[in-house]
């Protein structure tokens, strides 16, 4: 994988809010199909990379996945009453 690119603090705030509220998100990713998952938490690994932990329901199974923040193009809450709309994370 390519070297980690730090995500803008402004964007990080929206990711934290999504986790705190447990929003279901449409997540657009570089080089992958978009996915829909519930935001759970953010973590920083020993190598200083930051990751979004999400829960996906696939065929009745709950699955936790890690998504490196610099691989996220944008997030959009599914709930129309969410505190924000589509947020661009990485260009």
PDB file of N, CA and C in Angstrom:
ATOM      1  N   UNK A   1       0.848  -1.183   0.000  1.00  0.00           N
ATOM      2  CA  UNK A   1       0.000   0.000   0.000  1.00  0.00           C
ATOM      3  C   UNK A   1       0.890   1.241   0.000  1.00  0.00           C
ATOM      4  N   UNK A   2       0.378   2.307  -0.550  1.00  0.00           N
ATOM      5  CA  UNK A   2       1.138   3.558  -0.640  1.00  0.00           C
ATOM      6  C   UNK A   2       1.299   4.190   0.740  1.00  0.00           C
ATOM      7  N   UNK A   3       2.285   5.092   0.873  1.00  0.00           N
ATOM      8  CA  UNK A   3       2.476   5.791   2.160  1.00  0.00           C
ATOM      9  C   UNK A   3       1.190   6.517   2.578  1.00  0.00           C
ATOM     10  N   UNK A   4       0.972   6.559   3.880  1.00  0.00           N
ATOM     11  CA  UNK A   4      -0.237   7.171   4.427  1.00  0.00           C
ATOM     12  C   UNK A   4      -0.215   8.684   4.248  1.00  0.00           C
ATOM     13  N   UNK A   5      -1.354   9.234   3.848  1.00  0.00           N
ATOM     14  CA  UNK A   5      -1.539  10.679   3.719  1.00  0.00           C
ATOM     15  C   UNK A   5      -2.536  11.098   4.798  1.00  0.00           C
ATOM     16  N   UNK A   6      -2.110  11.986   5.685  1.00  0.00           N
ATOM     17  CA  UNK A   6      -2.962  12.430   6.798  1.00  0.00           C
ATOM     18  C   UNK A   6      -4.214  13.126   6.277  1.00  0.00           C
ATOM     19  N   UNK A   7      -5.326  12.822   6.903  1.00  0.00           N
ATOM     20  CA  UNK A   7      -6.615  13.409   6.539  1.00  0.00           C
ATOM     21  C   UNK A   7      -6.771  14.745   7.260  1.00  0.00           C
ATOM     22  N   UNK A   8      -7.340  15.714   6.578  1.00  0.00           N
ATOM     23  CA  UNK A   8      -7.607  17.039   7.115  1.00  0.00           C
ATOM     24  C   UNK A   8      -8.406  16.938   8.421  1.00  0.00           C
ATOM     25  N   UNK A   9      -8.028  17.728   9.417  1.00  0.00           N
ATOM     26  CA  UNK A   9      -8.702  17.715  10.728  1.00  0.00           C
ATOM     27  C   UNK A   9     -10.196  17.992  10.610  1.00  0.00           C
ATOM     28  N   UNK A  10     -10.569  18.880   9.701  1.00  0.00           N
ATOM     29  CA  UNK A  10     -11.979  19.214   9.489  1.00  0.00           C
ATOM     30  C   UNK A  10     -12.760  17.957   9.098  1.00  0.00           C
ATOM     31  N   UNK A  11     -12.190  17.156   8.221  1.00  0.00           N
ATOM     32  CA  UNK A  11     -12.834  15.906   7.786  1.00  0.00           C
ATOM     33  C   UNK A  11     -12.862  14.894   8.926  1.00  0.00           C
ATOM     34  N   UNK A  12     -11.799  14.868   9.689  1.00  0.00           N
ATOM     35  CA  UNK A  12     -11.690  13.950  10.823  1.00  0.00           C
ATOM     36  C   UNK A  12     -12.833  14.199  11.804  1.00  0.00           C
ATOM     37  N   UNK A  13     -13.204  15.454  12.004  1.00  0.00           N
ATOM     38  CA  UNK A  13     -14.307  15.798  12.906  1.00  0.00           C
ATOM     39  C   UNK A  13     -15.613  15.141  12.460  1.00  0.00           C
ATOM     40  N   UNK A  14     -15.874  15.145  11.152  1.00  0.00           N
ATOM     41  CA  UNK A  14     -17.096  14.517  10.637  1.00  0.00           C
ATOM     42  C   UNK A  14     -17.065  13.005  10.820  1.00  0.00           C
ATOM     43  N   UNK A  15     -15.900  12.407  10.645  1.00  0.00           N
ATOM     44  CA  UNK A  15     -15.767  10.968  10.867  1.00  0.00           C
ATOM     45  C   UNK A  15     -16.034  10.631  12.341  1.00  0.00           C
ATOM     46  N   UNK A  16     -15.510  11.446  13.256  1.00  0.00           N
ATOM     47  CA  UNK A  16     -15.756  11.229  14.683  1.00  0.00           C
ATOM     48  C   UNK A  16     -17.237  11.373  15.016  1.00  0.00           C
ATOM     49  N   UNK A  17     -17.879  12.373  14.432  1.00  0.00           N
ATOM     50  CA  UNK A  17     -19.308  12.574  14.661  1.00  0.00           C
ATOM     51  C   UNK A  17     -20.108  11.377  14.150  1.00  0.00           C
ATOM     52  N   UNK A  18     -19.749  10.874  12.979  1.00  0.00           N
ATOM     53  CA  UNK A  18     -20.434   9.705  12.422  1.00  0.00           C
ATOM     54  C   UNK A  18     -20.306   8.511  13.359  1.00  0.00           C
ATOM     55  N   UNK A  19     -19.139   8.339  13.960  1.00  0.00           N
ATOM     56  CA  UNK A  19     -18.927   7.239  14.904  1.00  0.00           C
ATOM     57  C   UNK A  19     -19.731   7.448  16.187  1.00  0.00           C
ATOM     58  N   UNK A  20     -19.694   8.653  16.723  1.00  0.00           N
ATOM     59  CA  UNK A  20     -20.426   8.946  17.964  1.00  0.00           C
ATOM     60  C   UNK A  20     -21.926   8.710  17.792  1.00  0.00           C
ATOM     61  N   UNK A  21     -22.459   9.053  16.615  1.00  0.00           N
ATOM     62  CA  UNK A  21     -23.891   8.916  16.359  1.00  0.00           C
ATOM     63  C   UNK A  21     -24.239   7.549  15.760  1.00  0.00           C
ATOM     64  N   UNK A  22     -23.230   6.759  15.418  1.00  0.00           N
ATOM     65  CA  UNK A  22     -23.480   5.432  14.846  1.00  0.00           C
ATOM     66  C   UNK A  22     -24.162   5.482  13.497  1.00  0.00           C
ATOM     67  N   UNK A  23     -23.836   6.507  12.702  1.00  0.00           N
ATOM     68  CA  UNK A  23     -24.483   6.672  11.404  1.00  0.00           C
ATOM     69  C   UNK A  23     -24.189   5.515  10.457  1.00  0.00           C
ATOM     70  N   UNK A  24     -25.202   5.156   9.688  1.00  0.00           N
ATOM     71  CA  UNK A  24     -25.015   4.301   8.526  1.00  0.00           C
ATOM     72  C   UNK A  24     -24.490   5.227   7.426  1.00  0.00           C
ATOM     73  N   UNK A  25     -23.398   4.839   6.803  1.00  0.00           N
ATOM     74  CA  UNK A  25     -22.764   5.687   5.799  1.00  0.00           C
ATOM     75  C   UNK A  25     -22.657   4.987   4.456  1.00  0.00           C
ATOM     76  N   UNK A  26     -22.801   5.757   3.402  1.00  0.00           N
ATOM     77  CA  UNK A  26     -22.349   5.317   2.087  1.00  0.00           C
ATOM     78  C   UNK A  26     -20.897   5.790   2.024  1.00  0.00           C
ATOM     79  N   UNK A  27     -19.968   4.877   1.809  1.00  0.00           N
ATOM     80  CA  UNK A  27     -18.546   5.194   1.820  1.00  0.00           C
ATOM     81  C   UNK A  27     -17.984   4.968   0.427  1.00  0.00           C
ATOM     82  N   UNK A  28     -17.505   6.052  -0.184  1.00  0.00           N
ATOM     83  CA  UNK A  28     -16.887   5.970  -1.509  1.00  0.00           C
ATOM     84  C   UNK A  28     -15.381   5.796  -1.321  1.00  0.00           C
ATOM     85  N   UNK A  29     -14.819   4.793  -1.990  1.00  0.00           N
ATOM     86  CA  UNK A  29     -13.417   4.438  -1.804  1.00  0.00           C
ATOM     87  C   UNK A  29     -12.630   4.538  -3.107  1.00  0.00           C
ATOM     88  N   UNK A  30     -11.326   4.816  -2.978  1.00  0.00           N
ATOM     89  CA  UNK A  30     -10.434   4.776  -4.133  1.00  0.00           C
ATOM     90  C   UNK A  30     -10.320   3.329  -4.592  1.00  0.00           C
ATOM     91  N   UNK A  31     -10.443   3.095  -5.875  1.00  0.00           N
ATOM     92  CA  UNK A  31     -10.206   1.789  -6.501  1.00  0.00           C
ATOM     93  C   UNK A  31     -11.071   0.653  -5.968  1.00  0.00           C
ATOM     94  N   UNK A  32     -12.201   0.965  -5.358  1.00  0.00           N
ATOM     95  CA  UNK A  32     -13.115  -0.073  -4.867  1.00  0.00           C
ATOM     96  C   UNK A  32     -14.544   0.410  -5.040  1.00  0.00           C
ATOM     97  N   UNK A  33     -15.464  -0.529  -5.039  1.00  0.00           N
ATOM     98  CA  UNK A  33     -16.881  -0.177  -5.112  1.00  0.00           C
ATOM     99  C   UNK A  33     -17.307   0.487  -3.802  1.00  0.00           C
ATOM    100  N   UNK A  34     -18.265   1.410  -3.864  1.00  0.00           N
ATOM    101  CA  UNK A  34     -18.773   2.025  -2.632  1.00  0.00           C
ATOM    102  C   UNK A  34     -19.400   0.954  -1.741  1.00  0.00           C
ATOM    103  N   UNK A  35     -19.422   1.230  -0.442  1.00  0.00           N
ATOM    104  CA  UNK A  35     -20.070   0.292   0.473  1.00  0.00           C
ATOM    105  C   UNK A  35     -20.923   1.073   1.454  1.00  0.00           C
ATOM    106  N   UNK A  36     -21.866   0.362   2.037  1.00  0.00           N
ATOM    107  CA  UNK A  36     -22.719   0.937   3.070  1.00  0.00           C
ATOM    108  C   UNK A  36     -22.426   0.196   4.364  1.00  0.00           C
ATOM    109  N   UNK A  37     -22.126   0.959   5.417  1.00  0.00           N
ATOM    110  CA  UNK A  37     -21.769   0.357   6.697  1.00  0.00           C
ATOM    111  C   UNK A  37     -22.006   1.359   7.819  1.00  0.00           C
ATOM    112  N   UNK A  38     -22.098   0.840   9.041  1.00  0.00           N
ATOM    113  CA  UNK A  38     -22.270   1.685  10.221  1.00  0.00           C
ATOM    114  C   UNK A  38     -20.903   2.084  10.762  1.00  0.00           C
ATOM    115  N   UNK A  39     -20.716   3.380  10.986  1.00  0.00           N
ATOM    116  CA  UNK A  39     -19.474   3.884  11.576  1.00  0.00           C
ATOM    117  C   UNK A  39     -19.429   3.464  13.046  1.00  0.00           C
ATOM    118  N   UNK A  40     -18.306   2.855  13.464  1.00  0.00           N
ATOM    119  CA  UNK A  40     -18.167   2.371  14.837  1.00  0.00           C
ATOM    120  C   UNK A  40     -17.167   3.220  15.619  1.00  0.00           C
ATOM    121  N   UNK A  41     -15.925   3.311  15.135  1.00  0.00           N
ATOM    122  CA  UNK A  41     -14.899   4.074  15.845  1.00  0.00           C
ATOM    123  C   UNK A  41     -13.738   4.371  14.906  1.00  0.00           C
ATOM    124  N   UNK A  42     -12.852   5.239  15.372  1.00  0.00           N
ATOM    125  CA  UNK A  42     -11.604   5.541  14.665  1.00  0.00           C
ATOM    126  C   UNK A  42     -10.448   5.022  15.508  1.00  0.00           C
ATOM    127  N   UNK A  43      -9.424   4.502  14.841  1.00  0.00           N
ATOM    128  CA  UNK A  43      -8.236   4.053  15.562  1.00  0.00           C
ATOM    129  C   UNK A  43      -6.984   4.566  14.855  1.00  0.00           C
ATOM    130  N   UNK A  44      -5.913   4.692  15.626  1.00  0.00           N
ATOM    131  CA  UNK A  44      -4.599   5.008  15.072  1.00  0.00           C
ATOM    132  C   UNK A  44      -3.699   3.828  15.400  1.00  0.00           C
ATOM    133  N   UNK A  45      -3.050   3.296  14.378  1.00  0.00           N
ATOM    134  CA  UNK A  45      -2.166   2.145  14.569  1.00  0.00           C
ATOM    135  C   UNK A  45      -0.753   2.620  14.894  1.00  0.00           C
ATOM    136  N   UNK A  46       0.089   1.681  15.278  1.00  0.00           N
ATOM    137  CA  UNK A  46       1.463   1.986  15.684  1.00  0.00           C
ATOM    138  C   UNK A  46       2.247   2.705  14.590  1.00  0.00           C
ATOM    139  N   UNK A  47       1.915   2.443  13.326  1.00  0.00           N
ATOM    140  CA  UNK A  47       2.630   3.095  12.221  1.00  0.00           C
ATOM    141  C   UNK A  47       2.061   4.476  11.890  1.00  0.00           C
ATOM    142  N   UNK A  48       1.164   4.986  12.757  1.00  0.00           N
ATOM    143  CA  UNK A  48       0.549   6.320  12.658  1.00  0.00           C
ATOM    144  C   UNK A  48      -0.511   6.431  11.562  1.00  0.00           C
ATOM    145  N   UNK A  49      -0.943   5.313  10.997  1.00  0.00           N
ATOM    146  CA  UNK A  49      -2.055   5.345  10.052  1.00  0.00           C
ATOM    147  C   UNK A  49      -3.358   5.390  10.842  1.00  0.00           C
ATOM    148  N   UNK A  50      -4.354   6.063  10.272  1.00  0.00           N
ATOM    149  CA  UNK A  50      -5.656   6.190  10.926  1.00  0.00           C
ATOM    150  C   UNK A  50      -6.680   5.376  10.146  1.00  0.00           C
ATOM    151  N   UNK A  51      -7.568   4.730  10.886  1.00  0.00           N
ATOM    152  CA  UNK A  51      -8.522   3.796  10.296  1.00  0.00           C
ATOM    153  C   UNK A  51      -9.922   4.039  10.844  1.00  0.00           C
ATOM    154  N   UNK A  52     -10.906   3.878   9.971  1.00  0.00           N
ATOM    155  CA  UNK A  52     -12.310   3.898  10.350  1.00  0.00           C
ATOM    156  C   UNK A  52     -12.759   2.449  10.499  1.00  0.00           C
ATOM    157  N   UNK A  53     -13.321   2.111  11.655  1.00  0.00           N
ATOM    158  CA  UNK A  53     -13.874   0.784  11.879  1.00  0.00           C
ATOM    159  C   UNK A  53     -15.369   0.865  11.600  1.00  0.00           C
ATOM    160  N   UNK A  54     -15.842  -0.005  10.728  1.00  0.00           N
ATOM    161  CA  UNK A  54     -17.252  -0.012  10.343  1.00  0.00           C
ATOM    162  C   UNK A  54     -17.829  -1.411  10.525  1.00  0.00           C
ATOM    163  N   UNK A  55     -19.145  -1.444  10.679  1.00  0.00           N
ATOM    164  CA  UNK A  55     -19.847  -2.725  10.767  1.00  0.00           C
ATOM    165  C   UNK A  55     -20.750  -2.854   9.552  1.00  0.00           C
ATOM    166  N   UNK A  56     -20.536  -3.932   8.818  1.00  0.00           N
ATOM    167  CA  UNK A  56     -21.362  -4.234   7.662  1.00  0.00           C
ATOM    168  C   UNK A  56     -22.232  -5.436   7.990  1.00  0.00           C
ATOM    169  N   UNK A  57     -23.438  -5.421   7.466  1.00  0.00           N
ATOM    170  CA  UNK A  57     -24.296  -6.589   7.564  1.00  0.00           C
ATOM    171  C   UNK A  57     -24.322  -7.209   6.179  1.00  0.00           C
ATOM    172  N   UNK A  58     -23.732  -8.396   6.077  1.00  0.00           N
ATOM    173  CA  UNK A  58     -23.680  -9.099   4.802  1.00  0.00           C
ATOM    174  C   UNK A  58     -24.290 -10.479   5.004  1.00  0.00           C
ATOM    175  N   UNK A  59     -25.386 -10.720   4.318  1.00  0.00           N
ATOM    176  CA  UNK A  59     -26.074 -12.014   4.407  1.00  0.00           C
ATOM    177  C   UNK A  59     -26.309 -12.435   5.860  1.00  0.00           C
ATOM    178  N   UNK A  60     -26.895 -11.550   6.636  1.00  0.00           N
ATOM    179  CA  UNK A  60     -27.257 -11.789   8.034  1.00  0.00           C
ATOM    180  C   UNK A  60     -26.065 -11.906   8.982  1.00  0.00           C
ATOM    181  N   UNK A  61     -24.849 -11.674   8.518  1.00  0.00           N
ATOM    182  CA  UNK A  61     -23.665 -11.721   9.379  1.00  0.00           C
ATOM    183  C   UNK A  61     -23.127 -10.314   9.585  1.00  0.00           C
ATOM    184  N   UNK A  62     -22.845  -9.962  10.847  1.00  0.00           N
ATOM    185  CA  UNK A  62     -22.204  -8.678  11.145  1.00  0.00           C
ATOM    186  C   UNK A  62     -20.715  -8.857  10.976  1.00  0.00           C
ATOM    187  N   UNK A  63     -20.102  -7.927  10.291  1.00  0.00           N
ATOM    188  CA  UNK A  63     -18.668  -8.018  10.028  1.00  0.00           C
ATOM    189  C   UNK A  63     -18.025  -6.667  10.304  1.00  0.00           C
ATOM    190  N   UNK A  64     -16.971  -6.639  11.160  1.00  0.00           N
ATOM    191  CA  UNK A  64     -16.232  -5.403  11.390  1.00  0.00           C
ATOM    192  C   UNK A  64     -15.099  -5.320  10.382  1.00  0.00           C
ATOM    193  N   UNK A  65     -14.970  -4.169   9.764  1.00  0.00           N
ATOM    194  CA  UNK A  65     -13.917  -3.936   8.772  1.00  0.00           C
ATOM    195  C   UNK A  65     -13.165  -2.664   9.106  1.00  0.00           C
ATOM    196  N   UNK A  66     -11.904  -2.629   8.713  1.00  0.00           N
ATOM    197  CA  UNK A  66     -11.063  -1.447   8.885  1.00  0.00           C
ATOM    198  C   UNK A  66     -10.855  -0.808   7.525  1.00  0.00           C
ATOM    199  N   UNK A  67     -11.026   0.522   7.478  1.00  0.00           N
ATOM    200  CA  UNK A  67     -10.801   1.263   6.236  1.00  0.00           C
ATOM    201  C   UNK A  67      -9.795   2.366   6.538  1.00  0.00           C
ATOM    202  N   UNK A  68      -8.672   2.351   5.846  1.00  0.00           N
ATOM    203  CA  UNK A  68      -7.657   3.399   6.051  1.00  0.00           C
ATOM    204  C   UNK A  68      -8.234   4.720   5.558  1.00  0.00           C
ATOM    205  N   UNK A  69      -8.127   5.761   6.380  1.00  0.00           N
ATOM    206  CA  UNK A  69      -8.809   7.022   6.083  1.00  0.00           C
ATOM    207  C   UNK A  69      -8.417   7.630   4.744  1.00  0.00           C
ATOM    208  N   UNK A  70      -7.149   7.511   4.345  1.00  0.00           N
ATOM    209  CA  UNK A  70      -6.754   8.132   3.080  1.00  0.00           C
ATOM    210  C   UNK A  70      -7.237   7.348   1.862  1.00  0.00           C
ATOM    211  N   UNK A  71      -7.953   6.251   2.075  1.00  0.00           N
ATOM    212  CA  UNK A  71      -8.557   5.496   0.977  1.00  0.00           C
ATOM    213  C   UNK A  71     -10.018   5.866   0.773  1.00  0.00           C
ATOM    214  N   UNK A  72     -10.532   6.736   1.654  1.00  0.00           N
ATOM    215  CA  UNK A  72     -11.929   7.172   1.565  1.00  0.00           C
ATOM    216  C   UNK A  72     -12.007   8.446   0.729  1.00  0.00           C
ATOM    217  N   UNK A  73     -12.829   8.410  -0.295  1.00  0.00           N
ATOM    218  CA  UNK A  73     -13.069   9.610  -1.115  1.00  0.00           C
ATOM    219  C   UNK A  73     -14.094  10.505  -0.428  1.00  0.00           C
ATOM    220  N   UNK A  74     -15.211   9.892   0.010  1.00  0.00           N
ATOM    221  CA  UNK A  74     -16.285  10.668   0.637  1.00  0.00           C
ATOM    222  C   UNK A  74     -17.161   9.757   1.480  1.00  0.00           C
ATOM    223  N   UNK A  75     -17.857  10.382   2.426  1.00  0.00           N
ATOM    224  CA  UNK A  75     -18.868   9.678   3.218  1.00  0.00           C
ATOM    225  C   UNK A  75     -20.173  10.451   3.115  1.00  0.00           C
ATOM    226  N   UNK A  76     -21.275   9.709   3.092  1.00  0.00           N
ATOM    227  CA  UNK A  76     -22.608  10.314   3.060  1.00  0.00           C
ATOM    228  C   UNK A  76     -23.499   9.559   4.031  1.00  0.00           C
ATOM    229  N   UNK A  77     -24.036  10.228   5.050  1.00  0.00           N
ATOM    230  CA  UNK A  77     -24.962   9.544   5.954  1.00  0.00           C
ATOM    231  C   UNK A  77     -26.226   9.122   5.201  1.00  0.00           C
ATOM    232  N   UNK A  78     -26.722   7.940   5.508  1.00  0.00           N
ATOM    233  CA  UNK A  78     -27.954   7.438   4.891  1.00  0.00           C
ATOM    234  C   UNK A  78     -29.165   8.151   5.490  1.00  0.00           C
ATOM    235  N   UNK A  79     -29.120   8.466   6.774  1.00  0.00           N
ATOM    236  CA  UNK A  79     -30.206   9.136   7.485  1.00  0.00           C
ATOM    237  C   UNK A  79     -30.317  10.585   7.008  1.00  0.00           C
ATOM    238  N   UNK A  80     -31.463  10.949   6.493  1.00  0.00           N
ATOM    239  CA  UNK A  80     -31.652  12.310   5.982  1.00  0.00           C
ATOM    240  C   UNK A  80     -31.657  13.351   7.107  1.00  0.00           C
ATOM    241  N   UNK A  81     -31.857  12.926   8.350  1.00  0.00           N
ATOM    242  CA  UNK A  81     -31.844  13.855   9.481  1.00  0.00           C
ATOM    243  C   UNK A  81     -30.453  13.975  10.106  1.00  0.00           C
ATOM    244  N   UNK A  82     -29.433  13.422   9.475  1.00  0.00           N
ATOM    245  CA  UNK A  82     -28.067  13.475  10.016  1.00  0.00           C
ATOM    246  C   UNK A  82     -27.586  14.918  10.091  1.00  0.00           C
ATOM    247  N   UNK A  83     -26.558  15.139  10.895  1.00  0.00           N
ATOM    248  CA  UNK A  83     -26.027  16.481  11.120  1.00  0.00           C
ATOM    249  C   UNK A  83     -25.196  17.018   9.962  1.00  0.00           C
ATOM    250  N   UNK A  84     -24.926  16.196   8.978  1.00  0.00           N
ATOM    251  CA  UNK A  84     -24.175  16.653   7.809  1.00  0.00           C
ATOM    252  C   UNK A  84     -24.588  15.836   6.596  1.00  0.00           C
ATOM    253  N   UNK A  85     -24.238  16.330   5.437  1.00  0.00           N
ATOM    254  CA  UNK A  85     -24.501  15.625   4.176  1.00  0.00           C
ATOM    255  C   UNK A  85     -23.199  15.022   3.683  1.00  0.00           C
ATOM    256  N   UNK A  86     -23.038  14.882   2.393  1.00  0.00           N
ATOM    257  CA  UNK A  86     -21.831  14.275   1.819  1.00  0.00           C
ATOM    258  C   UNK A  86     -20.601  15.112   2.167  1.00  0.00           C
ATOM    259  N   UNK A  87     -19.560  14.451   2.683  1.00  0.00           N
ATOM    260  CA  UNK A  87     -18.297  15.099   3.033  1.00  0.00           C
ATOM    261  C   UNK A  87     -17.180  14.437   2.238  1.00  0.00           C
ATOM    262  N   UNK A  88     -16.422  15.253   1.517  1.00  0.00           N
ATOM    263  CA  UNK A  88     -15.258  14.744   0.789  1.00  0.00           C
ATOM    264  C   UNK A  88     -14.101  14.613   1.764  1.00  0.00           C
ATOM    265  N   UNK A  89     -13.496  13.432   1.803  1.00  0.00           N
ATOM    266  CA  UNK A  89     -12.407  13.159   2.729  1.00  0.00           C
ATOM    267  C   UNK A  89     -11.055  13.300   2.026  1.00  0.00           C
ATOM    268  N   UNK A  90     -10.865  12.581   0.942  1.00  0.00           N
ATOM    269  CA  UNK A  90      -9.586  12.625   0.206  1.00  0.00           C
ATOM    270  C   UNK A  90      -9.882  12.865  -1.270  1.00  0.00           C
ATOM    271  N   UNK A  91      -9.023  13.633  -1.925  1.00  0.00           N
ATOM    272  CA  UNK A  91      -9.242  13.907  -3.351  1.00  0.00           C
ATOM    273  C   UNK A  91      -9.018  12.676  -4.207  1.00  0.00           C
TER     274      UNK A  91
END
